[in-house]
N, C-alpha and C. Protein backbone atom coordinates (compact mmCIF):
# COMPACT_ATOMS: atom_id res chain seq x y z
N UNK A 1 0.84 -1.19 0.00
CA UNK A 1 0.00 0.00 0.00
C UNK A 1 0.88 1.24 0.00
N UNK A 2 0.46 2.26 -0.69
CA UNK A 2 1.19 3.52 -0.69
C UNK A 2 0.41 4.54 0.15
N UNK A 3 0.93 5.75 0.23
CA UNK A 3 0.21 6.81 0.93
C UNK A 3 -1.13 7.03 0.26
N UNK A 4 -2.13 7.46 1.02
CA UNK A 4 -3.47 7.66 0.45
C UNK A 4 -3.52 8.89 -0.44
N UNK A 5 -4.48 8.90 -1.33
CA UNK A 5 -4.75 10.08 -2.14
C UNK A 5 -5.55 11.06 -1.30
N UNK A 6 -5.03 12.26 -1.11
CA UNK A 6 -5.70 13.29 -0.29
C UNK A 6 -5.72 14.60 -1.07
N UNK A 7 -6.82 15.31 -0.98
CA UNK A 7 -6.94 16.58 -1.69
C UNK A 7 -7.24 17.70 -0.70
N UNK A 8 -6.26 18.51 -0.39
CA UNK A 8 -6.37 19.71 0.44
C UNK A 8 -7.30 19.57 1.63
N UNK A 9 -6.77 18.99 2.67
CA UNK A 9 -7.48 18.87 3.95
C UNK A 9 -6.99 19.97 4.89
N UNK A 10 -7.82 20.37 5.81
CA UNK A 10 -7.43 21.34 6.82
C UNK A 10 -6.60 20.62 7.88
N UNK A 11 -5.31 20.95 7.97
CA UNK A 11 -4.44 20.24 8.91
C UNK A 11 -4.83 20.51 10.36
N UNK A 12 -5.59 21.56 10.62
CA UNK A 12 -6.04 21.83 11.99
C UNK A 12 -7.03 20.78 12.47
N UNK A 13 -7.55 19.97 11.57
CA UNK A 13 -8.43 18.87 11.96
C UNK A 13 -7.66 17.63 12.41
N UNK A 14 -6.33 17.64 12.24
CA UNK A 14 -5.49 16.53 12.70
C UNK A 14 -5.04 16.84 14.12
N UNK A 15 -5.13 15.84 14.98
CA UNK A 15 -4.79 16.02 16.39
C UNK A 15 -3.27 16.08 16.59
N UNK A 16 -2.82 16.95 17.49
CA UNK A 16 -1.43 16.95 17.93
C UNK A 16 -1.28 15.83 18.96
N UNK A 17 -0.41 14.87 18.70
CA UNK A 17 -0.17 13.75 19.62
C UNK A 17 1.20 13.90 20.26
N UNK A 18 1.30 13.72 21.58
CA UNK A 18 2.60 13.84 22.24
C UNK A 18 3.57 12.76 21.75
N UNK A 19 4.83 13.14 21.67
CA UNK A 19 5.88 12.20 21.25
C UNK A 19 6.51 11.60 22.51
N UNK A 20 6.56 10.28 22.56
CA UNK A 20 7.16 9.59 23.70
C UNK A 20 8.61 10.02 23.89
N UNK A 21 9.02 10.12 25.13
CA UNK A 21 10.41 10.42 25.52
C UNK A 21 10.89 11.78 25.05
N UNK A 22 9.97 12.69 24.69
CA UNK A 22 10.36 14.04 24.29
C UNK A 22 9.30 15.03 24.79
N UNK A 23 9.29 15.30 26.10
CA UNK A 23 8.27 16.20 26.66
C UNK A 23 8.24 17.55 25.93
N UNK A 24 7.02 18.03 25.67
CA UNK A 24 6.87 19.32 25.01
C UNK A 24 6.94 19.25 23.50
N UNK A 25 6.97 18.02 22.93
CA UNK A 25 6.96 17.86 21.48
C UNK A 25 5.74 17.05 21.07
N UNK A 26 5.19 17.40 19.89
CA UNK A 26 3.96 16.80 19.41
C UNK A 26 4.05 16.60 17.90
N UNK A 27 3.27 15.66 17.39
CA UNK A 27 3.24 15.42 15.96
C UNK A 27 1.82 15.29 15.46
N UNK A 28 1.65 15.68 14.20
CA UNK A 28 0.42 15.46 13.45
C UNK A 28 0.82 14.62 12.24
N UNK A 29 0.39 13.37 12.19
CA UNK A 29 0.68 12.54 11.03
C UNK A 29 -0.33 12.90 9.95
N UNK A 30 0.15 13.44 8.83
CA UNK A 30 -0.73 13.87 7.75
C UNK A 30 -1.01 12.75 6.76
N UNK A 31 -0.01 11.95 6.47
CA UNK A 31 -0.19 10.79 5.60
C UNK A 31 0.92 9.80 5.90
N UNK A 32 0.63 8.51 5.64
CA UNK A 32 1.65 7.51 5.91
C UNK A 32 1.43 6.27 5.07
N UNK A 33 2.52 5.57 4.86
CA UNK A 33 2.51 4.25 4.23
C UNK A 33 3.14 3.33 5.27
N UNK A 34 2.32 2.65 6.02
CA UNK A 34 2.81 1.83 7.13
C UNK A 34 3.66 0.66 6.66
N UNK A 35 3.44 0.19 5.44
CA UNK A 35 4.24 -0.93 4.92
C UNK A 35 5.69 -0.52 4.68
N UNK A 36 5.90 0.65 4.12
CA UNK A 36 7.26 1.11 3.84
C UNK A 36 7.85 1.95 4.97
N UNK A 37 6.99 2.50 5.83
CA UNK A 37 7.48 3.36 6.90
C UNK A 37 7.61 4.81 6.48
N UNK A 38 7.09 5.17 5.32
CA UNK A 38 7.16 6.56 4.84
C UNK A 38 6.00 7.35 5.44
N UNK A 39 6.27 8.61 5.79
CA UNK A 39 5.17 9.46 6.24
C UNK A 39 5.51 10.93 6.13
N UNK A 40 4.45 11.72 6.20
CA UNK A 40 4.56 13.17 6.27
C UNK A 40 3.90 13.59 7.57
N UNK A 41 4.58 14.44 8.31
CA UNK A 41 4.03 14.89 9.57
C UNK A 41 4.40 16.34 9.82
N UNK A 42 3.64 16.95 10.72
CA UNK A 42 4.01 18.23 11.29
C UNK A 42 4.57 17.92 12.67
N UNK A 43 5.57 18.68 13.07
CA UNK A 43 6.21 18.50 14.37
C UNK A 43 6.14 19.83 15.09
N UNK A 44 5.75 19.80 16.37
CA UNK A 44 5.64 21.03 17.16
C UNK A 44 6.47 20.90 18.42
N UNK A 45 7.26 21.94 18.69
CA UNK A 45 8.01 22.08 19.94
C UNK A 45 7.37 23.20 20.74
N UNK A 46 6.99 22.94 21.97
CA UNK A 46 6.52 24.01 22.85
C UNK A 46 7.68 24.95 23.16
N UNK A 47 7.36 26.15 23.62
CA UNK A 47 8.39 27.09 24.07
C UNK A 47 9.21 26.41 25.16
N UNK A 48 10.53 26.40 24.99
CA UNK A 48 11.43 25.81 25.97
C UNK A 48 11.63 24.31 25.86
N UNK A 49 10.93 23.65 24.96
CA UNK A 49 11.09 22.19 24.80
C UNK A 49 12.48 21.87 24.28
N UNK A 50 13.00 20.75 24.73
CA UNK A 50 14.29 20.31 24.20
C UNK A 50 14.38 18.80 24.19
N UNK A 51 15.19 18.31 23.25
CA UNK A 51 15.46 16.89 23.16
C UNK A 51 16.87 16.65 23.68
N UNK A 52 17.19 15.39 23.97
CA UNK A 52 18.49 15.11 24.59
C UNK A 52 19.29 14.08 23.82
N UNK A 53 18.75 13.60 22.70
CA UNK A 53 19.45 12.56 21.93
C UNK A 53 19.96 13.10 20.60
N UNK A 54 21.15 12.65 20.24
CA UNK A 54 21.65 12.87 18.89
C UNK A 54 20.96 11.85 18.00
N UNK A 55 20.50 12.29 16.83
CA UNK A 55 19.71 11.43 15.96
C UNK A 55 20.47 11.03 14.70
N UNK A 56 20.30 9.80 14.30
CA UNK A 56 20.66 9.30 12.97
C UNK A 56 19.61 8.25 12.65
N UNK A 57 19.32 8.07 11.37
CA UNK A 57 18.33 7.07 11.00
C UNK A 57 18.62 6.55 9.61
N UNK A 58 17.91 5.50 9.23
CA UNK A 58 18.17 4.80 7.97
C UNK A 58 17.26 5.27 6.83
N UNK A 59 16.50 6.32 7.04
CA UNK A 59 15.61 6.84 6.01
C UNK A 59 16.02 8.26 5.64
N UNK A 60 15.50 8.73 4.50
CA UNK A 60 15.66 10.12 4.09
C UNK A 60 14.68 10.96 4.89
N UNK A 61 15.07 12.19 5.18
CA UNK A 61 14.21 13.10 5.93
C UNK A 61 14.36 14.50 5.36
N UNK A 62 13.23 15.12 5.03
CA UNK A 62 13.23 16.51 4.59
C UNK A 62 12.38 17.30 5.57
N UNK A 63 12.88 18.45 6.00
CA UNK A 63 12.22 19.25 7.03
C UNK A 63 12.20 20.71 6.60
N UNK A 64 11.04 21.35 6.76
CA UNK A 64 10.90 22.78 6.50
C UNK A 64 10.32 23.42 7.76
N UNK A 65 10.96 24.49 8.24
CA UNK A 65 10.49 25.17 9.44
C UNK A 65 9.43 26.19 9.04
N UNK A 66 8.21 25.94 9.51
CA UNK A 66 7.06 26.80 9.20
C UNK A 66 7.03 28.02 10.11
N UNK A 67 7.34 27.80 11.39
CA UNK A 67 7.21 28.86 12.38
C UNK A 67 8.22 28.63 13.50
N UNK A 68 8.81 29.71 14.03
CA UNK A 68 9.70 29.61 15.17
C UNK A 68 11.10 29.18 14.79
N UNK A 69 11.76 28.48 15.71
CA UNK A 69 13.13 28.06 15.46
C UNK A 69 13.57 26.90 16.32
N UNK A 70 14.61 26.24 15.84
CA UNK A 70 15.24 25.12 16.55
C UNK A 70 16.73 25.40 16.67
N UNK A 71 17.26 25.18 17.85
CA UNK A 71 18.69 25.32 18.09
C UNK A 71 19.28 23.92 18.19
N UNK A 72 20.22 23.60 17.31
CA UNK A 72 20.93 22.32 17.35
C UNK A 72 22.04 22.47 18.38
N UNK A 73 21.90 21.78 19.50
CA UNK A 73 22.83 21.94 20.61
C UNK A 73 24.22 21.42 20.28
N UNK A 74 24.33 20.39 19.46
CA UNK A 74 25.65 19.85 19.11
C UNK A 74 26.36 20.75 18.11
N UNK A 75 25.63 21.22 17.11
CA UNK A 75 26.23 22.07 16.07
C UNK A 75 26.32 23.53 16.49
N UNK A 76 25.63 23.87 17.59
CA UNK A 76 25.58 25.25 18.08
C UNK A 76 25.09 26.20 16.98
N UNK A 77 23.99 25.79 16.33
CA UNK A 77 23.40 26.56 15.25
C UNK A 77 21.90 26.72 15.48
N UNK A 78 21.40 27.91 15.16
CA UNK A 78 19.97 28.19 15.24
C UNK A 78 19.39 28.11 13.83
N UNK A 79 18.32 27.34 13.67
CA UNK A 79 17.62 27.21 12.41
C UNK A 79 16.24 27.82 12.59
N UNK A 80 15.82 28.69 11.65
CA UNK A 80 14.63 29.50 11.85
C UNK A 80 13.64 29.36 10.71
N UNK A 81 12.50 30.00 10.90
CA UNK A 81 11.39 29.99 9.96
C UNK A 81 11.88 30.19 8.52
N UNK A 82 11.39 29.33 7.63
CA UNK A 82 11.76 29.42 6.22
C UNK A 82 12.97 28.59 5.85
N UNK A 83 13.65 27.96 6.82
CA UNK A 83 14.82 27.15 6.52
C UNK A 83 14.40 25.71 6.22
N UNK A 84 15.24 25.02 5.45
CA UNK A 84 14.94 23.68 4.94
C UNK A 84 16.16 22.79 5.13
N UNK A 85 15.91 21.51 5.44
CA UNK A 85 16.98 20.51 5.54
C UNK A 85 16.60 19.28 4.73
N UNK A 86 17.58 18.67 4.09
CA UNK A 86 17.42 17.38 3.41
C UNK A 86 18.50 16.47 3.98
N UNK A 87 18.08 15.47 4.74
CA UNK A 87 19.01 14.61 5.46
C UNK A 87 19.02 13.20 4.87
N UNK A 88 20.15 12.80 4.31
CA UNK A 88 20.24 11.42 3.82
C UNK A 88 20.39 10.46 5.00
N UNK A 89 20.17 9.17 4.76
CA UNK A 89 20.37 8.19 5.84
C UNK A 89 21.77 8.33 6.45
N UNK A 90 21.83 8.27 7.78
CA UNK A 90 23.10 8.34 8.49
C UNK A 90 23.55 9.73 8.90
N UNK A 91 22.87 10.78 8.43
CA UNK A 91 23.27 12.15 8.79
C UNK A 91 22.97 12.41 10.26
N UNK A 92 23.95 12.92 10.98
CA UNK A 92 23.81 13.21 12.41
C UNK A 92 23.14 14.58 12.57
N UNK A 93 22.16 14.66 13.49
CA UNK A 93 21.52 15.93 13.81
C UNK A 93 20.95 15.88 15.22
N UNK A 94 20.73 17.08 15.78
CA UNK A 94 20.23 17.18 17.15
C UNK A 94 21.34 16.91 18.16
N UNK A 95 20.97 16.97 19.43
CA UNK A 95 19.69 17.28 20.03
C UNK A 95 19.32 18.76 19.85
N UNK A 96 18.01 19.05 20.06
CA UNK A 96 17.48 20.37 19.79
C UNK A 96 16.87 21.02 21.02
N UNK A 97 16.83 22.36 20.95
CA UNK A 97 16.11 23.15 21.95
C UNK A 97 15.36 24.23 21.18
N UNK A 98 14.16 24.56 21.65
CA UNK A 98 13.39 25.63 21.01
C UNK A 98 12.99 26.65 22.07
N UNK A 99 13.67 27.78 22.06
CA UNK A 99 13.38 28.83 23.04
C UNK A 99 12.07 29.53 22.78
N UNK A 100 11.67 29.61 21.51
CA UNK A 100 10.46 30.35 21.13
C UNK A 100 9.32 29.44 20.65
N UNK A 101 9.55 28.13 20.63
CA UNK A 101 8.59 27.20 20.04
C UNK A 101 8.87 27.04 18.56
N UNK A 102 8.36 25.98 17.97
CA UNK A 102 8.66 25.70 16.57
C UNK A 102 7.61 24.76 15.99
N UNK A 103 7.28 24.98 14.71
CA UNK A 103 6.45 24.04 13.96
C UNK A 103 7.15 23.76 12.64
N UNK A 104 7.29 22.48 12.32
CA UNK A 104 7.91 22.07 11.06
C UNK A 104 6.97 21.14 10.30
N UNK A 105 7.27 20.96 9.02
CA UNK A 105 6.66 19.89 8.26
C UNK A 105 7.81 18.99 7.82
N UNK A 106 7.59 17.70 7.91
CA UNK A 106 8.67 16.74 7.70
C UNK A 106 8.17 15.58 6.84
N UNK A 107 8.98 15.20 5.88
CA UNK A 107 8.71 14.03 5.06
C UNK A 107 9.81 13.02 5.31
N UNK A 108 9.43 11.80 5.67
CA UNK A 108 10.38 10.71 5.89
C UNK A 108 10.07 9.61 4.88
N UNK A 109 11.14 9.09 4.24
CA UNK A 109 10.90 8.05 3.28
C UNK A 109 12.14 7.18 3.08
N UNK A 110 11.87 5.94 2.73
CA UNK A 110 12.92 4.98 2.38
C UNK A 110 12.95 4.88 0.87
N UNK A 111 14.13 4.81 0.32
CA UNK A 111 14.29 4.57 -1.12
C UNK A 111 14.60 3.10 -1.26
N UNK A 112 13.70 2.36 -1.86
CA UNK A 112 13.87 0.89 -2.02
C UNK A 112 14.28 0.56 -3.44
């Protein structure tokens, strides 16, 4: 099965769900292909939320910051509204802190 066909839905109708082991962070899954593990989601950081793990993964990840900013604590860099990342499998990123809060849209996918 692939991702479903969707035509312009109001994302505010999707519930923000808390992310385990990351207090103050939430996700809205907009579409997914559970067989392949591909999905598109929105990610929200509350004001002052921070993560504590350095991340690497085996999938591609593209992220666009819609609102606010994220500070990468390891790289000592602030990423802000309008910025974009394309992360190939194995790319190191995080942990993050958001002093002002942040909302991103993220696409994760495996190339088979």
